[in-house]
C-alpha atoms as a PDB file:
ATOM      1  CA  UNK A   1      -5.803 -16.787   4.195  1.00  0.00           C
ATOM      2  CA  UNK A   2      -5.055 -14.575   7.184  1.00  0.00           C
ATOM      3  CA  UNK A   3      -7.669 -12.119   8.428  1.00  0.00           C
ATOM      4  CA  UNK A   4      -5.225  -9.231   7.898  1.00  0.00           C
ATOM      5  CA  UNK A   5      -4.681 -10.201   4.244  1.00  0.00           C
ATOM      6  CA  UNK A   6      -8.419 -10.619   3.633  1.00  0.00           C
ATOM      7  CA  UNK A   7      -9.175  -7.237   5.249  1.00  0.00           C
ATOM      8  CA  UNK A   8      -6.357  -5.406   3.414  1.00  0.00           C
ATOM      9  CA  UNK A   9      -7.573  -6.807   0.072  1.00  0.00           C
ATOM     10  CA  UNK A  10     -11.111  -5.653   0.930  1.00  0.00           C
ATOM     11  CA  UNK A  11      -9.846  -2.122   1.638  1.00  0.00           C
ATOM     12  CA  UNK A  12      -7.901  -2.177  -1.668  1.00  0.00           C
ATOM     13  CA  UNK A  13     -11.083  -3.233  -3.492  1.00  0.00           C
ATOM     14  CA  UNK A  14     -12.933  -0.323  -1.859  1.00  0.00           C
ATOM     15  CA  UNK A  15     -10.251   2.058  -3.196  1.00  0.00           C
ATOM     16  CA  UNK A  16     -10.842   0.762  -6.745  1.00  0.00           C
ATOM     17  CA  UNK A  17     -14.641   0.662  -6.391  1.00  0.00           C
ATOM     18  CA  UNK A  18     -14.566   4.309  -5.258  1.00  0.00           C
ATOM     19  CA  UNK A  19     -13.269   5.165  -8.774  1.00  0.00           C
ATOM     20  CA  UNK A  20     -10.923   7.812  -7.361  1.00  0.00           C
ATOM     21  CA  UNK A  21      -7.186   8.291  -7.655  1.00  0.00           C
ATOM     22  CA  UNK A  22      -6.277   4.613  -7.267  1.00  0.00           C
ATOM     23  CA  UNK A  23      -8.666   3.499 -10.007  1.00  0.00           C
ATOM     24  CA  UNK A  24      -7.160   6.164 -12.292  1.00  0.00           C
ATOM     25  CA  UNK A  25      -3.537   5.255 -11.519  1.00  0.00           C
ATOM     26  CA  UNK A  26      -4.017   1.495 -11.567  1.00  0.00           C
ATOM     27  CA  UNK A  27      -6.859   0.950 -14.074  1.00  0.00           C
ATOM     28  CA  UNK A  28      -5.890  -2.607 -14.938  1.00  0.00           C
ATOM     29  CA  UNK A  29      -5.678  -3.585 -11.245  1.00  0.00           C
ATOM     30  CA  UNK A  30      -2.311  -5.245 -11.863  1.00  0.00           C
ATOM     31  CA  UNK A  31      -1.363  -4.466  -8.277  1.00  0.00           C
ATOM     32  CA  UNK A  32      -1.268  -7.758  -6.386  1.00  0.00           C
ATOM     33  CA  UNK A  33      -1.284  -8.016  -2.591  1.00  0.00           C
ATOM     34  CA  UNK A  34       0.654 -11.166  -1.708  1.00  0.00           C
ATOM     35  CA  UNK A  35       0.923 -10.993   2.060  1.00  0.00           C
ATOM     36  CA  UNK A  36      -0.424  -8.843   4.866  1.00  0.00           C
ATOM     37  CA  UNK A  37       0.308  -9.074   8.553  1.00  0.00           C
ATOM     38  CA  UNK A  38      -0.424  -6.226  10.949  1.00  0.00           C
ATOM     39  CA  UNK A  39       1.903  -3.420   9.915  1.00  0.00           C
ATOM     40  CA  UNK A  40       3.505  -5.022   6.837  1.00  0.00           C
ATOM     41  CA  UNK A  41       2.155  -5.691   3.355  1.00  0.00           C
ATOM     42  CA  UNK A  42       3.952  -7.222   0.342  1.00  0.00           C
ATOM     43  CA  UNK A  43       2.900  -6.287  -3.191  1.00  0.00           C
ATOM     44  CA  UNK A  44       3.887  -6.651  -6.812  1.00  0.00           C
ATOM     45  CA  UNK A  45       3.039  -4.691  -9.925  1.00  0.00           C
ATOM     46  CA  UNK A  46       3.749  -5.711 -13.500  1.00  0.00           C
ATOM     47  CA  UNK A  47       5.484  -2.815 -15.250  1.00  0.00           C
ATOM     48  CA  UNK A  48       3.697  -1.660 -18.384  1.00  0.00           C
ATOM     49  CA  UNK A  49       4.718   0.758 -21.124  1.00  0.00           C
ATOM     50  CA  UNK A  50       2.337   3.347 -19.644  1.00  0.00           C
ATOM     51  CA  UNK A  51       4.370   3.287 -16.382  1.00  0.00           C
ATOM     52  CA  UNK A  52       7.480   4.669 -18.094  1.00  0.00           C
ATOM     53  CA  UNK A  53       8.735   8.226 -18.498  1.00  0.00           C
ATOM     54  CA  UNK A  54      10.169   9.695 -21.707  1.00  0.00           C
ATOM     55  CA  UNK A  55      13.585   8.141 -21.177  1.00  0.00           C
ATOM     56  CA  UNK A  56      12.132   4.664 -20.709  1.00  0.00           C
ATOM     57  CA  UNK A  57      12.414   4.218 -16.945  1.00  0.00           C
ATOM     58  CA  UNK A  58       9.627   3.835 -14.390  1.00  0.00           C
ATOM     59  CA  UNK A  59       8.076   7.249 -13.854  1.00  0.00           C
ATOM     60  CA  UNK A  60       8.683   8.829 -10.453  1.00  0.00           C
ATOM     61  CA  UNK A  61       5.000   9.710 -10.281  1.00  0.00           C
ATOM     62  CA  UNK A  62       4.174   5.995 -10.301  1.00  0.00           C
ATOM     63  CA  UNK A  63       6.511   5.405  -7.351  1.00  0.00           C
ATOM     64  CA  UNK A  64       4.902   8.303  -5.440  1.00  0.00           C
ATOM     65  CA  UNK A  65       1.374   7.106  -6.260  1.00  0.00           C
ATOM     66  CA  UNK A  66       2.332   3.626  -5.104  1.00  0.00           C
ATOM     67  CA  UNK A  67       3.863   5.072  -1.932  1.00  0.00           C
ATOM     68  CA  UNK A  68       0.540   6.799  -1.237  1.00  0.00           C
ATOM     69  CA  UNK A  69      -1.603   3.748  -1.946  1.00  0.00           C
ATOM     70  CA  UNK A  70       0.665   1.142  -0.366  1.00  0.00           C
ATOM     71  CA  UNK A  71       1.302   3.268   2.707  1.00  0.00           C
ATOM     72  CA  UNK A  72      -2.455   3.516   3.129  1.00  0.00           C
ATOM     73  CA  UNK A  73      -2.775  -0.257   2.828  1.00  0.00           C
ATOM     74  CA  UNK A  74      -0.080  -0.700   5.497  1.00  0.00           C
ATOM     75  CA  UNK A  75      -2.408   1.294   7.781  1.00  0.00           C
ATOM     76  CA  UNK A  76      -5.298  -0.944   6.667  1.00  0.00           C
ATOM     77  CA  UNK A  77      -3.282  -4.033   7.614  1.00  0.00           C
ATOM     78  CA  UNK A  78      -3.651  -2.907  11.233  1.00  0.00           C
ATOM     79  CA  UNK A  79      -7.445  -2.972  10.906  1.00  0.00           C
ATOM     80  CA  UNK A  80      -8.231   0.574   9.727  1.00  0.00           C
ATOM     81  CA  UNK A  81     -10.904   0.530   7.042  1.00  0.00           C
ATOM     82  CA  UNK A  82     -10.643   4.278   6.454  1.00  0.00           C
ATOM     83  CA  UNK A  83      -6.939   4.993   6.194  1.00  0.00           C
ATOM     84  CA  UNK A  84      -6.949   8.749   6.759  1.00  0.00           C
ATOM     85  CA  UNK A  85      -5.523  11.579   4.692  1.00  0.00           C
ATOM     86  CA  UNK A  86      -1.961  12.271   3.610  1.00  0.00           C
ATOM     87  CA  UNK A  87       0.008  14.982   5.387  1.00  0.00           C
ATOM     88  CA  UNK A  88       3.464  14.277   3.961  1.00  0.00           C
ATOM     89  CA  UNK A  89       4.881  12.072   1.231  1.00  0.00           C
ATOM     90  CA  UNK A  90       8.206  11.690  -0.528  1.00  0.00           C
ATOM     91  CA  UNK A  91      10.485   9.259  -2.314  1.00  0.00           C
ATOM     92  CA  UNK A  92      14.115   8.643  -3.149  1.00  0.00           C
ATOM     93  CA  UNK A  93      15.080   6.988  -6.421  1.00  0.00           C
ATOM     94  CA  UNK A  94      18.147   4.769  -6.403  1.00  0.00           C
ATOM     95  CA  UNK A  95      18.311   2.905  -9.719  1.00  0.00           C
ATOM     96  CA  UNK A  96      16.050   2.006 -12.663  1.00  0.00           C
ATOM     97  CA  UNK A  97      13.135  -0.155 -11.554  1.00  0.00           C
ATOM     98  CA  UNK A  98      12.839  -2.393 -14.591  1.00  0.00           C
ATOM     99  CA  UNK A  99      11.424  -2.713 -18.079  1.00  0.00           C
ATOM    100  CA  UNK A 100       7.912  -3.372 -19.375  1.00  0.00           C
ATOM    101  CA  UNK A 101       6.997  -6.932 -18.486  1.00  0.00           C
ATOM    102  CA  UNK A 102       9.204  -6.947 -15.364  1.00  0.00           C
ATOM    103  CA  UNK A 103       7.624  -7.143 -11.945  1.00  0.00           C
ATOM    104  CA  UNK A 104       8.213  -4.376  -9.428  1.00  0.00           C
ATOM    105  CA  UNK A 105       8.007  -5.627  -5.841  1.00  0.00           C
ATOM    106  CA  UNK A 106       7.165  -3.507  -2.813  1.00  0.00           C
ATOM    107  CA  UNK A 107       6.964  -3.898   0.931  1.00  0.00           C
ATOM    108  CA  UNK A 108       4.956  -1.307   2.841  1.00  0.00           C
ATOM    109  CA  UNK A 109       5.689  -1.045   6.545  1.00  0.00           C
ATOM    110  CA  UNK A 110       3.837   0.879   9.206  1.00  0.00           C
ATOM    111  CA  UNK A 111       6.763   2.351  11.126  1.00  0.00           C
ATOM    112  CA  UNK A 112       4.689   4.088  13.821  1.00  0.00           C
ATOM    113  CA  UNK A 113       1.055   4.740  14.640  1.00  0.00           C
ATOM    114  CA  UNK A 114      -0.334   7.048  17.280  1.00  0.00           C
ATOM    115  CA  UNK A 115      -3.784   8.443  17.977  1.00  0.00           C
ATOM    116  CA  UNK A 116      -3.666  10.949  15.141  1.00  0.00           C
ATOM    117  CA  UNK A 117      -0.719  10.148  12.849  1.00  0.00           C
ATOM    118  CA  UNK A 118       0.583   7.037  11.107  1.00  0.00           C
ATOM    119  CA  UNK A 119       4.006   6.804   9.450  1.00  0.00           C
ATOM    120  CA  UNK A 120       4.845   4.353   6.676  1.00  0.00           C
ATOM    121  CA  UNK A 121       7.797   3.402   4.514  1.00  0.00           C
ATOM    122  CA  UNK A 122       7.609   1.569   1.202  1.00  0.00           C
ATOM    123  CA  UNK A 123      10.668  -0.202  -0.241  1.00  0.00           C
ATOM    124  CA  UNK A 124      10.617  -0.995  -3.962  1.00  0.00           C
ATOM    125  CA  UNK A 125      12.802  -3.733  -5.435  1.00  0.00           C
ATOM    126  CA  UNK A 126      13.488  -4.877  -8.981  1.00  0.00           C
ATOM    127  CA  UNK A 127      13.224  -8.472 -10.222  1.00  0.00           C
ATOM    128  CA  UNK A 128      16.786  -9.139  -8.967  1.00  0.00           C
ATOM    129  CA  UNK A 129      15.816  -8.003  -5.459  1.00  0.00           C
ATOM    130  CA  UNK A 130      17.826  -4.761  -5.581  1.00  0.00           C
ATOM    131  CA  UNK A 131      16.396  -1.687  -3.848  1.00  0.00           C
ATOM    132  CA  UNK A 132      15.349   0.733  -6.612  1.00  0.00           C
ATOM    133  CA  UNK A 133      13.419   3.352  -4.607  1.00  0.00           C
ATOM    134  CA  UNK A 134      11.837   3.967  -1.246  1.00  0.00           C
ATOM    135  CA  UNK A 135       9.041   6.227  -0.187  1.00  0.00           C
ATOM    136  CA  UNK A 136       7.702   7.586   3.058  1.00  0.00           C
ATOM    137  CA  UNK A 137       4.150   8.587   3.852  1.00  0.00           C
ATOM    138  CA  UNK A 138       2.544  10.288   6.836  1.00  0.00           C
ATOM    139  CA  UNK A 139      -1.219  10.016   7.303  1.00  0.00           C
ATOM    140  CA  UNK A 140      -3.624  11.814   9.617  1.00  0.00           C
ATOM    141  CA  UNK A 141      -5.760   9.018  11.090  1.00  0.00           C
ATOM    142  CA  UNK A 142      -7.428  10.894  13.953  1.00  0.00           C
ATOM    143  CA  UNK A 143     -10.956  10.701  12.573  1.00  0.00           C
ATOM    144  CA  UNK A 144     -10.582   7.369  10.782  1.00  0.00           C
ATOM    145  CA  UNK A 145      -9.528   5.626  14.007  1.00  0.00           C
ATOM    146  CA  UNK A 146     -13.164   5.428  15.083  1.00  0.00           C
ATOM    147  CA  UNK A 147     -14.632   4.121  11.812  1.00  0.00           C
ATOM    148  CA  UNK A 148     -17.232   1.413  12.571  1.00  0.00           C
ATOM    149  CA  UNK A 149     -15.699  -0.866   9.910  1.00  0.00           C
ATOM    150  CA  UNK A 150     -12.342  -1.011  11.729  1.00  0.00           C
ATOM    151  CA  UNK A 151     -11.260  -4.305  13.275  1.00  0.00           C
ATOM    152  CA  UNK A 152      -8.543  -5.521  15.613  1.00  0.00           C
ATOM    153  CA  UNK A 153      -6.405  -8.513  14.708  1.00  0.00           C
ATOM    154  CA  UNK A 154      -4.540 -11.059  16.756  1.00  0.00           C
ATOM    155  CA  UNK A 155      -0.855 -10.185  16.907  1.00  0.00           C
ATOM    156  CA  UNK A 156      -0.069 -12.486  13.967  1.00  0.00           C
ATOM    157  CA  UNK A 157      -3.015 -11.169  11.911  1.00  0.00           C
ATOM    158  CA  UNK A 158      -4.583 -14.594  11.550  1.00  0.00           C
ATOM    159  CA  UNK A 159      -7.836 -13.770  13.344  1.00  0.00           C
ATOM    160  CA  UNK A 160     -10.111 -10.817  13.971  1.00  0.00           C
ATOM    161  CA  UNK A 161     -10.448 -10.403  17.730  1.00  0.00           C
ATOM    162  CA  UNK A 162     -12.701  -7.338  17.679  1.00  0.00           C
ATOM    163  CA  UNK A 163     -15.116  -6.060  15.022  1.00  0.00           C
ATOM    164  CA  UNK A 164     -16.763  -7.762  12.064  1.00  0.00           C
ATOM    165  CA  UNK A 165     -14.749  -9.683   9.478  1.00  0.00           C
ATOM    166  CA  UNK A 166     -17.147  -9.296   6.561  1.00  0.00           C
ATOM    167  CA  UNK A 167     -16.248 -10.880   3.211  1.00  0.00           C
END
């Protein structure tokens, strides 16, 4: 397993262990991180009845919550243990995302990162691979950039080249 994947999963676990927003939105921890390289993370989430709105489609609030969480994990994939705070978030909905039992796939990409802001995009696809929604997320990372738990990865994310890779 790559160092970036291991680290990103550890940050995700810290989100759940914190018992905050992520633990409330994803109580069954059905969010699976499949792949993480610096700047890109692939996920899946099994759609449940509780993820639907009144007309039986995936609730827009779920897509926005996922955009928040997955955008943060895209920042984590670059070695940031503390992923900052949101300054802007939004989503566009293209087509229904699926039915209960289907798997919603997502790819979160860090599109830019400076000294104080990080920008992410999350593309959501249905089981057929069609784009169903996309979200964008801007995070203030100015203070989190100096967190002592941060690491630096090799370009391919396979190894930690600076910091401690604690399991």
